[in-house]
PDB file of all heavy atoms in Angstrom:
ATOM      1  N   HIS A   1      21.147  16.026 -13.418  1.00  0.00           N
ATOM      2  CA  HIS A   1      21.500  15.059 -14.473  1.00  0.00           C
ATOM      3  C   HIS A   1      20.899  15.285 -15.850  1.00  0.00           C
ATOM      4  O   HIS A   1      21.548  15.046 -16.721  1.00  0.00           O
ATOM      5  CB  HIS A   1      21.031  13.720 -13.962  1.00  0.00           C
ATOM      6  CG  HIS A   1      21.473  12.568 -14.884  1.00  0.00           C
ATOM      7  ND1 HIS A   1      22.817  11.989 -14.851  1.00  0.00           N
ATOM      8  CD2 HIS A   1      20.818  11.797 -15.639  1.00  0.00           C
ATOM      9  CE1 HIS A   1      22.937  11.104 -15.704  1.00  0.00           C
ATOM     10  NE2 HIS A   1      21.708  10.818 -16.291  1.00  0.00           N
ATOM     11  N   TYR A   2      19.687  15.932 -15.764  1.00  0.00           N
ATOM     12  CA  TYR A   2      19.048  15.984 -17.269  1.00  0.00           C
ATOM     13  C   TYR A   2      18.835  17.297 -17.569  1.00  0.00           C
ATOM     14  O   TYR A   2      18.501  17.447 -18.790  1.00  0.00           O
ATOM     15  CB  TYR A   2      17.613  15.340 -17.025  1.00  0.00           C
ATOM     16  CG  TYR A   2      17.561  13.924 -16.880  1.00  0.00           C
ATOM     17  CD1 TYR A   2      17.496  13.312 -15.565  1.00  0.00           C
ATOM     18  CD2 TYR A   2      17.784  12.920 -17.855  1.00  0.00           C
ATOM     19  CE1 TYR A   2      17.427  11.991 -15.290  1.00  0.00           C
ATOM     20  CE2 TYR A   2      17.716  11.642 -17.722  1.00  0.00           C
ATOM     21  CZ  TYR A   2      17.563  11.110 -16.314  1.00  0.00           C
ATOM     22  OH  TYR A   2      17.506   9.839 -16.163  1.00  0.00           O
ATOM     23  N   ARG A   3      19.246  18.398 -16.907  1.00  0.00           N
ATOM     24  CA  ARG A   3      19.017  19.847 -17.278  1.00  0.00           C
ATOM     25  C   ARG A   3      19.871  20.203 -18.590  1.00  0.00           C
ATOM     26  O   ARG A   3      19.403  20.823 -19.480  1.00  0.00           O
ATOM     27  CB  ARG A   3      19.276  20.773 -16.270  1.00  0.00           C
ATOM     28  CG  ARG A   3      20.592  20.961 -15.740  1.00  0.00           C
ATOM     29  CD  ARG A   3      20.762  21.966 -14.657  1.00  0.00           C
ATOM     30  NE  ARG A   3      22.095  21.956 -14.047  1.00  0.00           N
ATOM     31  CZ  ARG A   3      22.413  22.855 -13.170  1.00  0.00           C
ATOM     32  NH1 ARG A   3      21.604  23.812 -12.835  1.00  0.00           N
ATOM     33  NH2 ARG A   3      23.614  22.720 -12.471  1.00  0.00           N
ATOM     34  N   ASP A   4      21.135  19.584 -18.679  1.00  0.00           N
ATOM     35  CA  ASP A   4      21.963  19.984 -19.872  1.00  0.00           C
ATOM     36  C   ASP A   4      21.429  19.185 -21.180  1.00  0.00           C
ATOM     37  O   ASP A   4      21.986  19.509 -22.166  1.00  0.00           O
ATOM     38  CB  ASP A   4      23.501  19.431 -19.533  1.00  0.00           C
ATOM     39  CG  ASP A   4      24.100  20.400 -18.531  1.00  0.00           C
ATOM     40  OD1 ASP A   4      23.615  21.483 -18.258  1.00  0.00           O
ATOM     41  OD2 ASP A   4      24.912  20.016 -17.749  1.00  0.00           O
ATOM     42  N   ARG A   5      20.576  18.237 -20.952  1.00  0.00           N
ATOM     43  CA  ARG A   5      19.894  17.678 -22.017  1.00  0.00           C
ATOM     44  C   ARG A   5      18.508  18.144 -22.405  1.00  0.00           C
ATOM     45  O   ARG A   5      17.900  17.530 -23.272  1.00  0.00           O
ATOM     46  CB  ARG A   5      19.803  16.097 -21.648  1.00  0.00           C
ATOM     47  CG  ARG A   5      21.231  15.439 -21.457  1.00  0.00           C
ATOM     48  CD  ARG A   5      21.058  14.043 -20.853  1.00  0.00           C
ATOM     49  NE  ARG A   5      22.331  13.683 -20.209  1.00  0.00           N
ATOM     50  CZ  ARG A   5      22.555  12.397 -19.724  1.00  0.00           C
ATOM     51  NH1 ARG A   5      21.609  11.519 -19.702  1.00  0.00           N
ATOM     52  NH2 ARG A   5      23.677  12.097 -19.248  1.00  0.00           N
ATOM     53  N   GLY A   6      18.203  19.270 -21.805  1.00  0.00           N
ATOM     54  CA  GLY A   6      17.043  19.963 -22.161  1.00  0.00           C
ATOM     55  C   GLY A   6      15.928  19.873 -21.244  1.00  0.00           C
ATOM     56  O   GLY A   6      15.000  20.700 -21.346  1.00  0.00           O
ATOM     57  N   LEU A   7      16.000  19.169 -20.064  1.00  0.00           N
ATOM     58  CA  LEU A   7      14.885  19.002 -19.202  1.00  0.00           C
ATOM     59  C   LEU A   7      14.699  20.439 -18.408  1.00  0.00           C
ATOM     60  O   LEU A   7      15.601  21.025 -17.966  1.00  0.00           O
ATOM     61  CB  LEU A   7      15.074  17.942 -18.086  1.00  0.00           C
ATOM     62  CG  LEU A   7      13.950  17.767 -17.063  1.00  0.00           C
ATOM     63  CD1 LEU A   7      12.690  17.289 -17.729  1.00  0.00           C
ATOM     64  CD2 LEU A   7      14.374  16.823 -15.965  1.00  0.00           C
ATOM     65  N   ARG A   8      13.517  20.892 -18.308  1.00  0.00           N
ATOM     66  CA  ARG A   8      13.174  21.896 -17.359  1.00  0.00           C
ATOM     67  C   ARG A   8      12.359  21.422 -16.263  1.00  0.00           C
ATOM     68  O   ARG A   8      11.508  20.513 -16.278  1.00  0.00           O
ATOM     69  CB  ARG A   8      12.213  23.033 -18.055  1.00  0.00           C
ATOM     70  CG  ARG A   8      13.001  23.530 -19.318  1.00  0.00           C
ATOM     71  CD  ARG A   8      14.167  24.325 -19.158  1.00  0.00           C
ATOM     72  NE  ARG A   8      14.842  25.021 -20.274  1.00  0.00           N
ATOM     73  CZ  ARG A   8      15.929  24.471 -20.933  1.00  0.00           C
ATOM     74  NH1 ARG A   8      16.504  23.384 -20.438  1.00  0.00           N
ATOM     75  NH2 ARG A   8      16.414  25.019 -21.880  1.00  0.00           N
ATOM     76  N   VAL A   9      12.603  21.997 -15.030  1.00  0.00           N
ATOM     77  CA  VAL A   9      11.881  21.731 -13.745  1.00  0.00           C
ATOM     78  C   VAL A   9      11.203  22.946 -13.231  1.00  0.00           C
ATOM     79  O   VAL A   9      11.890  24.030 -13.160  1.00  0.00           O
ATOM     80  CB  VAL A   9      12.770  21.017 -12.734  1.00  0.00           C
ATOM     81  CG1 VAL A   9      11.993  20.712 -11.482  1.00  0.00           C
ATOM     82  CG2 VAL A   9      13.394  19.771 -13.231  1.00  0.00           C
ATOM     83  N   VAL A  10      10.029  22.885 -12.802  1.00  0.00           N
ATOM     84  CA  VAL A  10       9.217  24.011 -12.199  1.00  0.00           C
ATOM     85  C   VAL A  10       8.473  23.525 -10.937  1.00  0.00           C
ATOM     86  O   VAL A  10       7.950  22.445 -10.940  1.00  0.00           O
ATOM     87  CB  VAL A  10       8.122  24.564 -13.287  1.00  0.00           C
ATOM     88  CG1 VAL A  10       7.404  25.662 -12.560  1.00  0.00           C
ATOM     89  CG2 VAL A  10       8.882  25.112 -14.484  1.00  0.00           C
ATOM     90  N   GLY A  11       8.570  24.372 -10.025  1.00  0.00           N
ATOM     91  CA  GLY A  11       7.827  24.044  -8.639  1.00  0.00           C
ATOM     92  C   GLY A  11       6.578  24.814  -8.642  1.00  0.00           C
ATOM     93  O   GLY A  11       6.544  26.046  -9.003  1.00  0.00           O
ATOM     94  N   VAL A  12       5.465  24.189  -8.124  1.00  0.00           N
ATOM     95  CA  VAL A  12       4.114  25.001  -7.863  1.00  0.00           C
ATOM     96  C   VAL A  12       3.854  24.751  -6.379  1.00  0.00           C
ATOM     97  O   VAL A  12       3.555  23.596  -5.996  1.00  0.00           O
ATOM     98  CB  VAL A  12       3.193  24.422  -8.720  1.00  0.00           C
ATOM     99  CG1 VAL A  12       1.878  25.259  -8.621  1.00  0.00           C
ATOM    100  CG2 VAL A  12       3.533  24.499 -10.348  1.00  0.00           C
ATOM    101  N   ALA A  13       3.887  25.849  -5.702  1.00  0.00           N
ATOM    102  CA  ALA A  13       3.511  25.830  -4.252  1.00  0.00           C
ATOM    103  C   ALA A  13       2.040  25.876  -4.074  1.00  0.00           C
ATOM    104  O   ALA A  13       1.420  26.872  -4.600  1.00  0.00           O
ATOM    105  CB  ALA A  13       4.184  26.971  -3.567  1.00  0.00           C
ATOM    106  N   VAL A  14       1.525  24.783  -3.590  1.00  0.00           N
ATOM    107  CA  VAL A  14       0.011  24.775  -3.320  1.00  0.00           C
ATOM    108  C   VAL A  14      -0.305  24.677  -1.869  1.00  0.00           C
ATOM    109  O   VAL A  14       0.469  24.051  -1.068  1.00  0.00           O
ATOM    110  CB  VAL A  14      -0.563  23.486  -4.074  1.00  0.00           C
ATOM    111  CG1 VAL A  14      -0.379  23.774  -5.548  1.00  0.00           C
ATOM    112  CG2 VAL A  14      -0.143  22.300  -3.627  1.00  0.00           C
ATOM    113  N   ALA A  15      -1.475  25.185  -1.404  1.00  0.00           N
ATOM    114  CA  ALA A  15      -1.916  25.198  -0.059  1.00  0.00           C
ATOM    115  C   ALA A  15      -0.845  25.658   0.933  1.00  0.00           C
ATOM    116  O   ALA A  15      -0.631  24.915   2.020  1.00  0.00           O
ATOM    117  CB  ALA A  15      -2.448  23.864   0.257  1.00  0.00           C
ATOM    118  N   ASP A  16      -0.166  26.643   0.627  1.00  0.00           N
ATOM    119  CA  ASP A  16       1.033  27.041   1.349  1.00  0.00           C
ATOM    120  C   ASP A  16       0.966  28.505   1.763  1.00  0.00           C
ATOM    121  O   ASP A  16       0.037  29.281   1.248  1.00  0.00           O
ATOM    122  CB  ASP A  16       2.285  26.706   0.668  1.00  0.00           C
ATOM    123  CG  ASP A  16       3.443  26.355   1.529  1.00  0.00           C
ATOM    124  OD1 ASP A  16       3.457  26.603   2.708  1.00  0.00           O
ATOM    125  OD2 ASP A  16       4.456  25.846   1.081  1.00  0.00           O
ATOM    126  N   LYS A  17       2.039  29.003   2.446  1.00  0.00           N
ATOM    127  CA  LYS A  17       2.111  30.359   2.900  1.00  0.00           C
ATOM    128  C   LYS A  17       3.408  30.941   2.271  1.00  0.00           C
ATOM    129  O   LYS A  17       4.421  30.191   2.363  1.00  0.00           O
ATOM    130  CB  LYS A  17       2.132  30.493   4.420  1.00  0.00           C
ATOM    131  CG  LYS A  17       0.949  30.131   5.187  1.00  0.00           C
ATOM    132  CD  LYS A  17      -0.286  30.856   4.664  1.00  0.00           C
ATOM    133  CE  LYS A  17      -1.514  30.475   5.383  1.00  0.00           C
ATOM    134  NZ  LYS A  17      -2.817  31.045   4.810  1.00  0.00           N
ATOM    135  N   ARG A  18       3.449  32.177   1.777  1.00  0.00           N
ATOM    136  CA  ARG A  18       4.580  32.566   0.995  1.00  0.00           C
ATOM    137  C   ARG A  18       5.877  32.531   1.823  1.00  0.00           C
ATOM    138  O   ARG A  18       6.965  32.118   1.357  1.00  0.00           O
ATOM    139  CB  ARG A  18       4.345  33.876   0.370  1.00  0.00           C
ATOM    140  CG  ARG A  18       3.459  34.034  -0.861  1.00  0.00           C
ATOM    141  CD  ARG A  18       3.617  35.253  -1.553  1.00  0.00           C
ATOM    142  NE  ARG A  18       2.921  35.194  -2.774  1.00  0.00           N
ATOM    143  CZ  ARG A  18       3.245  34.699  -3.962  1.00  0.00           C
ATOM    144  NH1 ARG A  18       4.534  34.432  -4.102  1.00  0.00           N
ATOM    145  NH2 ARG A  18       2.599  34.795  -5.041  1.00  0.00           N
ATOM    146  N   GLU A  19       5.811  32.996   3.087  1.00  0.00           N
ATOM    147  CA  GLU A  19       6.990  33.132   3.975  1.00  0.00           C
ATOM    148  C   GLU A  19       7.518  31.623   4.168  1.00  0.00           C
ATOM    149  O   GLU A  19       8.741  31.450   4.112  1.00  0.00           O
ATOM    150  CB  GLU A  19       6.561  33.630   5.241  1.00  0.00           C
ATOM    151  CG  GLU A  19       6.256  35.141   5.171  1.00  0.00           C
ATOM    152  CD  GLU A  19       4.702  35.299   4.758  1.00  0.00           C
ATOM    153  OE1 GLU A  19       4.057  34.294   4.585  1.00  0.00           O
ATOM    154  OE2 GLU A  19       4.292  36.428   4.600  1.00  0.00           O
ATOM    155  N   ALA A  20       6.639  30.678   4.392  1.00  0.00           N
ATOM    156  CA  ALA A  20       7.130  29.311   4.695  1.00  0.00           C
ATOM    157  C   ALA A  20       7.667  28.615   3.460  1.00  0.00           C
ATOM    158  O   ALA A  20       8.676  28.017   3.409  1.00  0.00           O
ATOM    159  CB  ALA A  20       5.936  28.507   5.281  1.00  0.00           C
ATOM    160  N   HIS A  21       6.970  29.069   2.325  1.00  0.00           N
ATOM    161  CA  HIS A  21       7.502  28.523   1.009  1.00  0.00           C
ATOM    162  C   HIS A  21       8.894  29.048   0.666  1.00  0.00           C
ATOM    163  O   HIS A  21       9.783  28.236   0.307  1.00  0.00           O
ATOM    164  CB  HIS A  21       6.499  28.935  -0.131  1.00  0.00           C
ATOM    165  CG  HIS A  21       7.027  28.595  -1.519  1.00  0.00           C
ATOM    166  ND1 HIS A  21       7.277  27.370  -2.007  1.00  0.00           N
ATOM    167  CD2 HIS A  21       7.457  29.496  -2.443  1.00  0.00           C
ATOM    168  CE1 HIS A  21       7.692  27.579  -3.156  1.00  0.00           C
ATOM    169  NE2 HIS A  21       7.792  28.782  -3.568  1.00  0.00           N
ATOM    170  N   ALA A  22       9.193  30.377   0.902  1.00  0.00           N
ATOM    171  CA  ALA A  22      10.431  30.912   0.591  1.00  0.00           C
ATOM    172  C   ALA A  22      11.523  30.347   1.539  1.00  0.00           C
ATOM    173  O   ALA A  22      12.600  30.024   1.031  1.00  0.00           O
ATOM    174  CB  ALA A  22      10.430  32.506   0.683  1.00  0.00           C
ATOM    175  N   LYS A  23      11.153  30.082   2.762  1.00  0.00           N
ATOM    176  CA  LYS A  23      12.177  29.473   3.647  1.00  0.00           C
ATOM    177  C   LYS A  23      12.500  28.040   3.276  1.00  0.00           C
ATOM    178  O   LYS A  23      13.716  27.659   3.296  1.00  0.00           O
ATOM    179  CB  LYS A  23      11.561  29.436   5.130  1.00  0.00           C
ATOM    180  CG  LYS A  23      12.379  28.882   6.151  1.00  0.00           C
ATOM    181  CD  LYS A  23      11.680  28.828   7.440  1.00  0.00           C
ATOM    182  CE  LYS A  23      12.676  28.289   8.611  1.00  0.00           C
ATOM    183  NZ  LYS A  23      11.982  28.244   9.927  1.00  0.00           N
ATOM    184  N   ALA A  24      11.540  27.294   2.780  1.00  0.00           N
ATOM    185  CA  ALA A  24      11.748  25.936   2.524  1.00  0.00           C
ATOM    186  C   ALA A  24      12.617  25.854   1.187  1.00  0.00           C
ATOM    187  O   ALA A  24      13.494  25.030   1.048  1.00  0.00           O
ATOM    188  CB  ALA A  24      10.393  25.172   2.208  1.00  0.00           C
ATOM    189  N   VAL A  25      12.421  26.817   0.223  1.00  0.00           N
ATOM    190  CA  VAL A  25      13.196  26.928  -0.903  1.00  0.00           C
ATOM    191  C   VAL A  25      14.598  27.116  -0.670  1.00  0.00           C
ATOM    192  O   VAL A  25      15.569  26.553  -1.278  1.00  0.00           O
ATOM    193  CB  VAL A  25      12.670  28.042  -1.835  1.00  0.00           C
ATOM    194  CG1 VAL A  25      13.675  28.338  -3.029  1.00  0.00           C
ATOM    195  CG2 VAL A  25      11.229  27.522  -2.545  1.00  0.00           C
ATOM    196  N   ALA A  26      14.852  27.969   0.288  1.00  0.00           N
ATOM    197  CA  ALA A  26      16.190  28.286   0.687  1.00  0.00           C
ATOM    198  C   ALA A  26      16.851  27.110   1.514  1.00  0.00           C
ATOM    199  O   ALA A  26      18.003  26.786   1.160  1.00  0.00           O
ATOM    200  CB  ALA A  26      16.218  29.521   1.651  1.00  0.00           C
ATOM    201  N   GLU A  27      16.082  26.510   2.359  1.00  0.00           N
ATOM    202  CA  GLU A  27      16.603  25.374   3.236  1.00  0.00           C
ATOM    203  C   GLU A  27      16.931  24.177   2.217  1.00  0.00           C
ATOM    204  O   GLU A  27      17.887  23.415   2.509  1.00  0.00           O
ATOM    205  CB  GLU A  27      15.607  24.927   4.213  1.00  0.00           C
ATOM    206  CG  GLU A  27      15.481  25.884   5.350  1.00  0.00           C
ATOM    207  CD  GLU A  27      14.328  25.573   6.296  1.00  0.00           C
ATOM    208  OE1 GLU A  27      13.510  24.589   5.963  1.00  0.00           O
ATOM    209  OE2 GLU A  27      14.316  26.184   7.346  1.00  0.00           O
ATOM    210  N   ASP A  28      16.099  23.950   1.255  1.00  0.00           N
ATOM    211  CA  ASP A  28      16.358  22.647   0.476  1.00  0.00           C
ATOM    212  C   ASP A  28      17.216  22.998  -0.782  1.00  0.00           C
ATOM    213  O   ASP A  28      17.507  22.084  -1.560  1.00  0.00           O
ATOM    214  CB  ASP A  28      14.977  22.177  -0.100  1.00  0.00           C
ATOM    215  CG  ASP A  28      14.109  21.611   1.177  1.00  0.00           C
ATOM    216  OD1 ASP A  28      14.739  21.427   2.297  1.00  0.00           O
ATOM    217  OD2 ASP A  28      13.002  21.236   0.847  1.00  0.00           O
ATOM    218  N   GLY A  29      17.720  24.258  -0.962  1.00  0.00           N
ATOM    219  CA  GLY A  29      18.623  24.559  -2.046  1.00  0.00           C
ATOM    220  C   GLY A  29      17.940  24.430  -3.417  1.00  0.00           C
ATOM    221  O   GLY A  29      18.551  23.814  -4.327  1.00  0.00           O
ATOM    222  N   ILE A  30      16.724  24.803  -3.499  1.00  0.00           N
ATOM    223  CA  ILE A  30      15.969  24.719  -4.755  1.00  0.00           C
ATOM    224  C   ILE A  30      16.404  25.867  -5.691  1.00  0.00           C
ATOM    225  O   ILE A  30      16.225  27.093  -5.330  1.00  0.00           O
ATOM    226  CB  ILE A  30      14.425  24.644  -4.534  1.00  0.00           C
ATOM    227  CG1 ILE A  30      14.018  23.513  -3.587  1.00  0.00           C
ATOM    228  CG2 ILE A  30      13.574  24.782  -5.851  1.00  0.00           C
ATOM    229  CD1 ILE A  30      12.583  23.466  -3.056  1.00  0.00           C
ATOM    230  N   SER A  31      16.805  25.436  -6.940  1.00  0.00           N
ATOM    231  CA  SER A  31      17.232  26.527  -7.878  1.00  0.00           C
ATOM    232  C   SER A  31      16.365  26.690  -9.056  1.00  0.00           C
ATOM    233  O   SER A  31      16.592  27.550  -9.944  1.00  0.00           O
ATOM    234  CB  SER A  31      18.660  26.123  -8.267  1.00  0.00           C
ATOM    235  OG  SER A  31      18.861  24.823  -8.901  1.00  0.00           O
ATOM    236  N   TRP A  32      15.387  25.806  -9.178  1.00  0.00           N
ATOM    237  CA  TRP A  32      14.531  25.897 -10.381  1.00  0.00           C
ATOM    238  C   TRP A  32      13.254  27.005 -10.052  1.00  0.00           C
ATOM    239  O   TRP A  32      12.996  27.106  -8.841  1.00  0.00           O
ATOM    240  CB  TRP A  32      14.006  24.551 -10.792  1.00  0.00           C
ATOM    241  CG  TRP A  32      13.416  23.679  -9.707  1.00  0.00           C
ATOM    242  CD1 TRP A  32      12.216  23.646  -9.156  1.00  0.00           C
ATOM    243  CD2 TRP A  32      14.134  22.713  -9.008  1.00  0.00           C
ATOM    244  NE1 TRP A  32      12.082  22.732  -8.102  1.00  0.00           N
ATOM    245  CE2 TRP A  32      13.291  22.188  -7.903  1.00  0.00           C
ATOM    246  CE3 TRP A  32      15.481  22.224  -8.906  1.00  0.00           C
ATOM    247  CZ2 TRP A  32      13.516  21.185  -7.079  1.00  0.00           C
ATOM    248  CZ3 TRP A  32      15.885  21.300  -7.939  1.00  0.00           C
ATOM    249  CH2 TRP A  32      15.017  20.723  -7.083  1.00  0.00           C
ATOM    250  N   PRO A  33      12.658  27.458 -11.069  1.00  0.00           N
ATOM    251  CA  PRO A  33      11.699  28.531 -10.796  1.00  0.00           C
ATOM    252  C   PRO A  33      10.513  27.907 -10.157  1.00  0.00           C
ATOM    253  O   PRO A  33      10.224  26.762 -10.058  1.00  0.00           O
ATOM    254  CB  PRO A  33      11.222  28.875 -12.113  1.00  0.00           C
ATOM    255  CG  PRO A  33      11.797  27.807 -13.097  1.00  0.00           C
ATOM    256  CD  PRO A  33      12.907  27.212 -12.385  1.00  0.00           C
ATOM    257  N   GLN A  34       9.751  28.811  -9.471  1.00  0.00           N
ATOM    258  CA  GLN A  34       8.559  28.525  -8.508  1.00  0.00           C
ATOM    259  C   GLN A  34       7.559  29.297  -8.983  1.00  0.00           C
ATOM    260  O   GLN A  34       7.597  30.487  -9.185  1.00  0.00           O
ATOM    261  CB  GLN A  34       9.029  28.713  -7.073  1.00  0.00           C
ATOM    262  CG  GLN A  34      10.038  27.797  -6.460  1.00  0.00           C
ATOM    263  CD  GLN A  34       9.738  26.340  -6.403  1.00  0.00           C
ATOM    264  OE1 GLN A  34       8.769  26.150  -5.901  1.00  0.00           O
ATOM    265  NE2 GLN A  34      10.551  25.507  -6.977  1.00  0.00           N
ATOM    266  N   ILE A  35       6.324  28.802  -8.884  1.00  0.00           N
ATOM    267  CA  ILE A  35       4.970  29.564  -8.997  1.00  0.00           C
ATOM    268  C   ILE A  35       4.178  29.280  -7.711  1.00  0.00           C
ATOM    269  O   ILE A  35       4.151  28.216  -7.331  1.00  0.00           O
ATOM    270  CB  ILE A  35       4.283  29.109 -10.251  1.00  0.00           C
ATOM    271  CG1 ILE A  35       4.970  29.265 -11.514  1.00  0.00           C
ATOM    272  CG2 ILE A  35       2.756  29.783 -10.349  1.00  0.00           C
ATOM    273  CD1 ILE A  35       4.376  28.745 -12.776  1.00  0.00           C
ATOM    274  N   PHE A  36       3.604  30.387  -7.126  1.00  0.00           N
ATOM    275  CA  PHE A  36       2.906  30.199  -6.013  1.00  0.00           C
ATOM    276  C   PHE A  36       1.452  30.195  -6.344  1.00  0.00           C
ATOM    277  O   PHE A  36       0.862  31.298  -6.704  1.00  0.00           O
ATOM    278  CB  PHE A  36       3.174  31.333  -4.928  1.00  0.00           C
ATOM    279  CG  PHE A  36       2.635  31.154  -3.628  1.00  0.00           C
ATOM    280  CD1 PHE A  36       3.338  30.418  -2.530  1.00  0.00           C
ATOM    281  CD2 PHE A  36       1.361  31.500  -3.301  1.00  0.00           C
ATOM    282  CE1 PHE A  36       2.771  30.252  -1.251  1.00  0.00           C
ATOM    283  CE2 PHE A  36       0.739  31.359  -2.056  1.00  0.00           C
ATOM    284  CZ  PHE A  36       1.590  30.623  -1.027  1.00  0.00           C
ATOM    285  N   SER A  37       0.696  29.164  -6.044  1.00  0.00           N
ATOM    286  CA  SER A  37      -0.740  28.961  -6.349  1.00  0.00           C
ATOM    287  C   SER A  37      -1.471  28.286  -5.234  1.00  0.00           C
ATOM    288  O   SER A  37      -1.556  27.022  -5.154  1.00  0.00           O
ATOM    289  CB  SER A  37      -0.983  28.297  -7.737  1.00  0.00           C
ATOM    290  OG  SER A  37      -2.473  28.209  -8.016  1.00  0.00           O
ATOM    291  N   GLU A  38      -2.045  29.100  -4.347  1.00  0.00           N
ATOM    292  CA  GLU A  38      -2.494  28.480  -3.180  1.00  0.00           C
ATOM    293  C   GLU A  38      -3.635  27.434  -3.433  1.00  0.00           C
ATOM    294  O   GLU A  38      -3.693  26.410  -2.795  1.00  0.00           O
ATOM    295  CB  GLU A  38      -3.056  29.437  -2.228  1.00  0.00           C
ATOM    296  CG  GLU A  38      -3.500  28.963  -0.721  1.00  0.00           C
ATOM    297  CD  GLU A  38      -3.661  30.065   0.173  1.00  0.00           C
ATOM    298  OE1 GLU A  38      -3.452  31.236  -0.114  1.00  0.00           O
ATOM    299  OE2 GLU A  38      -4.010  29.726   1.318  1.00  0.00           O
TER     300      GLU A  38
END
């Protein structure tokens, strides 16, 4: 709703495992950028 008006969204994966994180991103259809910081 808001990205065409300028909003940016970023995900930060915390206390996670990279493989599980990548799987969740695919399952949930997440299209915004991600940073992995355990």
